[in-house]
Amino acid sequence: MAINFENALGIHQHTLGIRARRTEVLAGNISNADTPNYKARDIDFKDALQNAKSRSGVALTRTNEGHKFAQSFSMAQSGELFRMGNQPDTGDGNTVDLEVERNLFMKNSMEYQASLDFLNSKISSLRKAIKGQ
């Protein structure tokens, strides 16, 4: 009997990828805090998760039937948006607030770890089922 990983792992596989992408976006904001005219970015988690679950991306070509099926995931599907600044413009056009970015980065890191723990638990359960324990 074949295992359907989509059903077995639930949404945790999608949340992990979105959290990883959000970590990259927030790190980019922090590293560009002093870049003139840089606009802070963020990912709308709800929209990104909905897009990841429905994945209507472009199917990749398989050269052999033994290859796994995959789809591409464009940045337009990631839910990435510009964030409005909380502070007044300092004259350089930069909308990054370091305190906000650091707090969001820390919160996202904890949520990433929680998603990783849930996914690890699901995989552990699958291993036990396969071994018959």
N, C-alpha and C. Protein backbone atom coordinates (compact mmCIF):
# COMPACT_ATOMS: atom_id res chain seq x y z
N MET A 1 0.84 -1.18 0.00
CA MET A 1 0.00 0.00 0.00
C MET A 1 0.89 1.24 0.00
N ALA A 2 0.66 2.13 -0.91
CA ALA A 2 1.46 3.35 -1.05
C ALA A 2 1.04 4.39 -0.01
N ILE A 3 2.02 5.15 0.46
CA ILE A 3 1.75 6.21 1.43
C ILE A 3 1.55 7.52 0.67
N ASN A 4 0.46 8.20 0.95
CA ASN A 4 0.21 9.51 0.38
C ASN A 4 0.77 10.54 1.35
N PHE A 5 1.93 11.11 1.01
CA PHE A 5 2.59 12.05 1.92
C PHE A 5 1.80 13.34 2.09
N GLU A 6 1.03 13.71 1.09
CA GLU A 6 0.21 14.92 1.20
C GLU A 6 -0.79 14.77 2.35
N ASN A 7 -1.41 13.59 2.44
CA ASN A 7 -2.35 13.35 3.53
C ASN A 7 -1.64 13.07 4.85
N ALA A 8 -0.51 12.37 4.79
CA ALA A 8 0.20 11.98 5.99
C ALA A 8 0.84 13.16 6.71
N LEU A 9 1.39 14.11 5.96
CA LEU A 9 2.10 15.23 6.57
C LEU A 9 1.24 16.46 6.78
N GLY A 10 0.09 16.50 6.16
CA GLY A 10 -0.82 17.62 6.34
C GLY A 10 -0.24 18.93 5.82
N ILE A 11 -0.59 20.02 6.48
CA ILE A 11 -0.12 21.33 6.04
C ILE A 11 1.27 21.67 6.55
N HIS A 12 1.82 20.83 7.41
CA HIS A 12 3.10 21.15 8.03
C HIS A 12 4.23 21.28 7.03
N GLN A 13 4.19 20.51 5.97
CA GLN A 13 5.23 20.63 4.94
C GLN A 13 5.16 21.99 4.25
N HIS A 14 3.96 22.52 4.08
CA HIS A 14 3.79 23.82 3.44
C HIS A 14 4.20 24.94 4.39
N THR A 15 3.79 24.84 5.65
CA THR A 15 4.11 25.90 6.60
C THR A 15 5.62 26.02 6.79
N LEU A 16 6.32 24.92 6.77
CA LEU A 16 7.77 24.95 6.94
C LEU A 16 8.44 25.72 5.80
N GLY A 17 8.02 25.48 4.58
CA GLY A 17 8.58 26.19 3.44
C GLY A 17 8.27 27.68 3.46
N ILE A 18 7.06 28.02 3.86
CA ILE A 18 6.68 29.44 3.92
C ILE A 18 7.45 30.15 5.02
N ARG A 19 7.58 29.50 6.18
CA ARG A 19 8.36 30.09 7.28
C ARG A 19 9.82 30.28 6.88
N ALA A 20 10.38 29.33 6.14
CA ALA A 20 11.77 29.46 5.68
C ALA A 20 11.90 30.65 4.73
N ARG A 21 10.95 30.79 3.82
CA ARG A 21 10.99 31.92 2.89
C ARG A 21 10.83 33.23 3.64
N ARG A 22 9.95 33.27 4.66
CA ARG A 22 9.74 34.49 5.43
C ARG A 22 11.01 34.86 6.20
N THR A 23 11.75 33.86 6.66
CA THR A 23 13.02 34.13 7.34
C THR A 23 13.96 34.86 6.40
N GLU A 24 14.04 34.42 5.15
CA GLU A 24 14.89 35.08 4.15
C GLU A 24 14.46 36.52 3.91
N VAL A 25 13.15 36.74 3.80
CA VAL A 25 12.63 38.08 3.53
C VAL A 25 12.93 39.01 4.70
N LEU A 26 12.68 38.55 5.93
CA LEU A 26 12.93 39.38 7.11
C LEU A 26 14.42 39.65 7.30
N ALA A 27 15.26 38.65 7.02
CA ALA A 27 16.71 38.86 7.10
C ALA A 27 17.15 39.90 6.07
N GLY A 28 16.55 39.87 4.90
CA GLY A 28 16.85 40.88 3.88
C GLY A 28 16.46 42.27 4.33
N ASN A 29 15.33 42.38 5.03
CA ASN A 29 14.92 43.68 5.57
C ASN A 29 15.94 44.19 6.58
N ILE A 30 16.36 43.31 7.48
CA ILE A 30 17.32 43.71 8.51
C ILE A 30 18.65 44.13 7.88
N SER A 31 19.10 43.39 6.90
CA SER A 31 20.39 43.71 6.27
C SER A 31 20.32 44.98 5.42
N ASN A 32 19.13 45.39 5.02
CA ASN A 32 18.97 46.61 4.22
C ASN A 32 18.40 47.77 5.01
N ALA A 33 18.54 47.73 6.33
CA ALA A 33 17.97 48.78 7.18
C ALA A 33 18.55 50.15 6.87
N ASP A 34 19.77 50.23 6.38
CA ASP A 34 20.41 51.50 6.08
C ASP A 34 20.48 51.81 4.59
N THR A 35 19.82 51.01 3.77
CA THR A 35 19.83 51.21 2.32
C THR A 35 18.78 52.25 1.93
N PRO A 36 19.21 53.35 1.30
CA PRO A 36 18.24 54.37 0.90
C PRO A 36 17.18 53.80 -0.05
N ASN A 37 15.95 54.23 0.16
CA ASN A 37 14.78 53.86 -0.67
C ASN A 37 14.41 52.37 -0.61
N TYR A 38 14.97 51.63 0.34
CA TYR A 38 14.59 50.21 0.48
C TYR A 38 13.23 50.14 1.16
N LYS A 39 12.36 49.34 0.63
CA LYS A 39 11.01 49.16 1.19
C LYS A 39 10.94 47.80 1.88
N ALA A 40 10.52 47.82 3.15
CA ALA A 40 10.41 46.59 3.93
C ALA A 40 9.40 45.65 3.27
N ARG A 41 9.73 44.36 3.26
CA ARG A 41 8.87 43.34 2.67
C ARG A 41 8.45 42.35 3.74
N ASP A 42 7.39 41.66 3.46
CA ASP A 42 6.93 40.59 4.34
C ASP A 42 6.09 39.63 3.51
N ILE A 43 5.76 38.52 4.09
CA ILE A 43 4.94 37.52 3.41
C ILE A 43 3.62 37.39 4.14
N ASP A 44 2.53 37.43 3.40
CA ASP A 44 1.22 37.20 3.96
C ASP A 44 1.06 35.69 4.12
N PHE A 45 1.21 35.21 5.34
CA PHE A 45 1.25 33.77 5.60
C PHE A 45 -0.02 33.08 5.12
N LYS A 46 -1.16 33.66 5.40
CA LYS A 46 -2.44 33.04 5.04
C LYS A 46 -2.55 32.85 3.52
N ASP A 47 -2.23 33.89 2.76
CA ASP A 47 -2.30 33.80 1.30
C ASP A 47 -1.25 32.82 0.76
N ALA A 48 -0.05 32.88 1.32
CA ALA A 48 1.02 31.98 0.86
C ALA A 48 0.66 30.52 1.14
N LEU A 49 0.06 30.26 2.29
CA LEU A 49 -0.35 28.89 2.62
C LEU A 49 -1.45 28.42 1.69
N GLN A 50 -2.40 29.29 1.41
CA GLN A 50 -3.48 28.93 0.49
C GLN A 50 -2.92 28.61 -0.90
N ASN A 51 -1.98 29.42 -1.37
CA ASN A 51 -1.35 29.17 -2.67
C ASN A 51 -0.54 27.90 -2.66
N ALA A 52 0.17 27.63 -1.57
CA ALA A 52 0.99 26.42 -1.49
C ALA A 52 0.11 25.17 -1.50
N LYS A 53 -1.04 25.25 -0.84
CA LYS A 53 -1.94 24.10 -0.79
C LYS A 53 -2.61 23.85 -2.14
N SER A 54 -2.91 24.91 -2.87
CA SER A 54 -3.61 24.73 -4.15
C SER A 54 -2.65 24.60 -5.32
N ARG A 55 -1.44 25.00 -5.18
CA ARG A 55 -0.36 24.89 -6.18
C ARG A 55 -0.85 24.73 -7.61
N SER A 56 -1.07 25.82 -8.24
CA SER A 56 -1.44 25.75 -9.65
C SER A 56 -0.26 26.17 -10.52
N GLY A 57 0.94 25.87 -10.03
CA GLY A 57 2.17 26.27 -10.72
C GLY A 57 2.40 25.48 -12.00
N VAL A 58 3.49 25.75 -12.65
CA VAL A 58 3.86 25.09 -13.89
C VAL A 58 4.45 23.72 -13.56
N ALA A 59 3.95 22.70 -14.19
CA ALA A 59 4.47 21.35 -13.95
C ALA A 59 5.84 21.22 -14.61
N LEU A 60 6.78 20.62 -13.91
CA LEU A 60 8.11 20.40 -14.46
C LEU A 60 8.10 19.12 -15.28
N THR A 61 8.88 19.10 -16.34
CA THR A 61 8.93 17.97 -17.24
C THR A 61 9.74 16.83 -16.63
N ARG A 62 9.19 15.62 -16.69
CA ARG A 62 9.90 14.44 -16.21
C ARG A 62 10.48 13.72 -17.42
N THR A 63 11.76 13.36 -17.32
CA THR A 63 12.40 12.65 -18.43
C THR A 63 12.33 11.15 -18.25
N ASN A 64 11.88 10.71 -17.07
CA ASN A 64 11.77 9.30 -16.78
C ASN A 64 10.59 9.10 -15.84
N GLU A 65 9.83 8.05 -16.03
CA GLU A 65 8.65 7.80 -15.19
C GLU A 65 9.03 7.58 -13.73
N GLY A 66 10.28 7.21 -13.46
CA GLY A 66 10.73 7.00 -12.09
C GLY A 66 10.98 8.30 -11.33
N HIS A 67 11.02 9.43 -12.05
CA HIS A 67 11.25 10.72 -11.39
C HIS A 67 9.98 11.17 -10.68
N LYS A 68 10.17 11.88 -9.59
CA LYS A 68 9.03 12.38 -8.82
C LYS A 68 8.39 13.56 -9.53
N PHE A 69 7.09 13.72 -9.35
CA PHE A 69 6.36 14.84 -9.91
C PHE A 69 6.64 16.07 -9.05
N ALA A 70 6.85 17.23 -9.68
CA ALA A 70 7.09 18.47 -8.95
C ALA A 70 6.49 19.63 -9.72
N GLN A 71 6.32 20.75 -9.01
CA GLN A 71 5.82 21.95 -9.63
C GLN A 71 6.73 23.11 -9.24
N SER A 72 6.78 24.11 -10.10
CA SER A 72 7.55 25.30 -9.76
C SER A 72 6.73 26.18 -8.83
N PHE A 73 7.40 27.08 -8.14
CA PHE A 73 6.74 27.98 -7.20
C PHE A 73 7.29 29.37 -7.42
N SER A 74 6.52 30.24 -8.05
CA SER A 74 7.02 31.57 -8.39
C SER A 74 6.88 32.52 -7.22
N MET A 75 7.62 33.63 -7.28
CA MET A 75 7.54 34.64 -6.23
C MET A 75 6.16 35.28 -6.18
N ALA A 76 5.48 35.34 -7.30
CA ALA A 76 4.13 35.90 -7.31
C ALA A 76 3.19 35.05 -6.47
N GLN A 77 3.46 33.76 -6.36
CA GLN A 77 2.62 32.87 -5.56
C GLN A 77 3.00 32.87 -4.10
N SER A 78 4.13 33.47 -3.73
CA SER A 78 4.63 33.39 -2.37
C SER A 78 3.91 34.31 -1.40
N GLY A 79 3.13 35.26 -1.89
CA GLY A 79 2.41 36.17 -1.01
C GLY A 79 3.29 37.30 -0.51
N GLU A 80 4.44 37.55 -1.14
CA GLU A 80 5.35 38.60 -0.69
C GLU A 80 4.77 39.97 -1.00
N LEU A 81 4.78 40.84 0.01
CA LEU A 81 4.21 42.17 -0.12
C LEU A 81 5.16 43.19 0.50
N PHE A 82 4.95 44.46 0.19
CA PHE A 82 5.68 45.53 0.85
C PHE A 82 4.92 45.90 2.12
N ARG A 83 5.66 46.23 3.17
CA ARG A 83 5.04 46.60 4.44
C ARG A 83 5.08 48.11 4.60
N MET A 84 3.99 48.66 5.10
CA MET A 84 3.93 50.10 5.38
C MET A 84 4.77 50.38 6.63
N GLY A 85 5.52 51.47 6.60
CA GLY A 85 6.37 51.84 7.72
C GLY A 85 5.59 52.34 8.92
N ASN A 86 6.10 52.04 10.12
CA ASN A 86 5.47 52.50 11.35
C ASN A 86 6.03 53.84 11.81
N GLN A 87 7.18 54.17 11.30
CA GLN A 87 7.86 55.38 11.74
C GLN A 87 7.80 56.43 10.65
N PRO A 88 7.97 57.70 11.02
CA PRO A 88 7.98 58.74 9.98
C PRO A 88 9.21 58.59 9.08
N ASP A 89 9.06 59.04 7.86
CA ASP A 89 10.17 58.97 6.89
C ASP A 89 11.33 59.83 7.38
N THR A 90 12.51 59.25 7.39
CA THR A 90 13.71 59.97 7.84
C THR A 90 14.37 60.73 6.69
N GLY A 91 13.78 60.71 5.54
CA GLY A 91 14.31 61.43 4.41
C GLY A 91 15.03 60.56 3.39
N ASP A 92 15.34 59.31 3.76
CA ASP A 92 16.04 58.43 2.82
C ASP A 92 15.10 57.46 2.12
N GLY A 93 13.81 57.47 2.47
CA GLY A 93 12.83 56.62 1.81
C GLY A 93 12.82 55.17 2.28
N ASN A 94 13.61 54.85 3.29
CA ASN A 94 13.69 53.49 3.81
C ASN A 94 12.55 53.27 4.81
N THR A 95 11.82 52.14 4.68
CA THR A 95 10.69 51.86 5.57
C THR A 95 10.98 50.77 6.59
N VAL A 96 12.24 50.38 6.76
CA VAL A 96 12.59 49.31 7.69
C VAL A 96 12.70 49.87 9.11
N ASP A 97 11.97 49.27 10.04
CA ASP A 97 12.09 49.58 11.47
C ASP A 97 12.77 48.38 12.11
N LEU A 98 14.03 48.55 12.54
CA LEU A 98 14.81 47.41 13.03
C LEU A 98 14.16 46.67 14.19
N GLU A 99 13.54 47.39 15.11
CA GLU A 99 12.89 46.72 16.24
C GLU A 99 11.76 45.82 15.77
N VAL A 100 10.95 46.32 14.87
CA VAL A 100 9.85 45.52 14.33
C VAL A 100 10.39 44.31 13.59
N GLU A 101 11.40 44.51 12.75
CA GLU A 101 11.98 43.41 11.98
C GLU A 101 12.57 42.33 12.88
N ARG A 102 13.30 42.75 13.90
CA ARG A 102 13.91 41.77 14.82
C ARG A 102 12.84 40.98 15.57
N ASN A 103 11.79 41.67 16.00
CA ASN A 103 10.70 40.96 16.69
C ASN A 103 9.99 39.98 15.77
N LEU A 104 9.72 40.41 14.54
CA LEU A 104 9.08 39.51 13.58
C LEU A 104 9.99 38.33 13.24
N PHE A 105 11.29 38.59 13.13
CA PHE A 105 12.25 37.53 12.84
C PHE A 105 12.25 36.49 13.97
N MET A 106 12.26 36.97 15.21
CA MET A 106 12.26 36.06 16.38
C MET A 106 10.96 35.25 16.42
N LYS A 107 9.83 35.92 16.22
CA LYS A 107 8.54 35.21 16.23
C LYS A 107 8.49 34.17 15.12
N ASN A 108 8.95 34.54 13.93
CA ASN A 108 8.96 33.61 12.81
C ASN A 108 9.87 32.43 13.09
N SER A 109 11.00 32.67 13.74
CA SER A 109 11.92 31.58 14.09
C SER A 109 11.26 30.57 15.02
N MET A 110 10.52 31.08 16.00
CA MET A 110 9.81 30.18 16.92
C MET A 110 8.71 29.40 16.20
N GLU A 111 8.00 30.07 15.29
CA GLU A 111 6.95 29.39 14.53
C GLU A 111 7.55 28.36 13.57
N TYR A 112 8.73 28.67 13.01
CA TYR A 112 9.43 27.71 12.14
C TYR A 112 9.80 26.47 12.94
N GLN A 113 10.32 26.68 14.15
CA GLN A 113 10.69 25.54 15.00
C GLN A 113 9.47 24.71 15.37
N ALA A 114 8.35 25.37 15.64
CA ALA A 114 7.11 24.64 15.95
C ALA A 114 6.66 23.81 14.75
N SER A 115 6.72 24.38 13.55
CA SER A 115 6.36 23.64 12.34
C SER A 115 7.29 22.46 12.14
N LEU A 116 8.57 22.67 12.40
CA LEU A 116 9.56 21.59 12.27
C LEU A 116 9.28 20.48 13.27
N ASP A 117 8.91 20.85 14.50
CA ASP A 117 8.58 19.85 15.52
C ASP A 117 7.34 19.04 15.12
N PHE A 118 6.30 19.72 14.60
CA PHE A 118 5.10 19.01 14.15
C PHE A 118 5.43 18.05 13.01
N LEU A 119 6.21 18.51 12.06
CA LEU A 119 6.59 17.68 10.92
C LEU A 119 7.43 16.49 11.37
N ASN A 120 8.35 16.72 12.29
CA ASN A 120 9.17 15.65 12.83
C ASN A 120 8.30 14.61 13.54
N SER A 121 7.30 15.07 14.27
CA SER A 121 6.38 14.16 14.95
C SER A 121 5.60 13.30 13.95
N LYS A 122 5.15 13.91 12.86
CA LYS A 122 4.43 13.16 11.83
C LYS A 122 5.33 12.10 11.20
N ILE A 123 6.57 12.48 10.89
CA ILE A 123 7.51 11.54 10.27
C ILE A 123 7.85 10.41 11.23
N SER A 124 8.00 10.74 12.50
CA SER A 124 8.26 9.73 13.51
C SER A 124 7.11 8.72 13.60
N SER A 125 5.88 9.23 13.54
CA SER A 125 4.72 8.35 13.55
C SER A 125 4.69 7.43 12.33
N LEU A 126 5.04 8.00 11.16
CA LEU A 126 5.10 7.18 9.94
C LEU A 126 6.16 6.08 10.06
N ARG A 127 7.30 6.41 10.62
CA ARG A 127 8.37 5.41 10.80
C ARG A 127 7.88 4.27 11.70
N LYS A 128 7.22 4.61 12.79
CA LYS A 128 6.69 3.60 13.70
C LYS A 128 5.66 2.72 13.00
N ALA A 129 4.82 3.33 12.18
CA ALA A 129 3.81 2.56 11.45
C ALA A 129 4.46 1.61 10.45
N ILE A 130 5.50 2.09 9.77
CA ILE A 130 6.19 1.24 8.79
C ILE A 130 6.89 0.07 9.47
N LYS A 131 7.48 0.33 10.63
CA LYS A 131 8.18 -0.73 11.37
C LYS A 131 7.21 -1.64 12.10
N GLY A 132 5.95 -1.22 12.22
CA GLY A 132 4.96 -2.06 12.90
C GLY A 132 5.02 -1.96 14.42
N GLN A 133 5.48 -0.83 14.91
CA GLN A 133 5.59 -0.66 16.37
C GLN A 133 4.35 -0.06 16.95
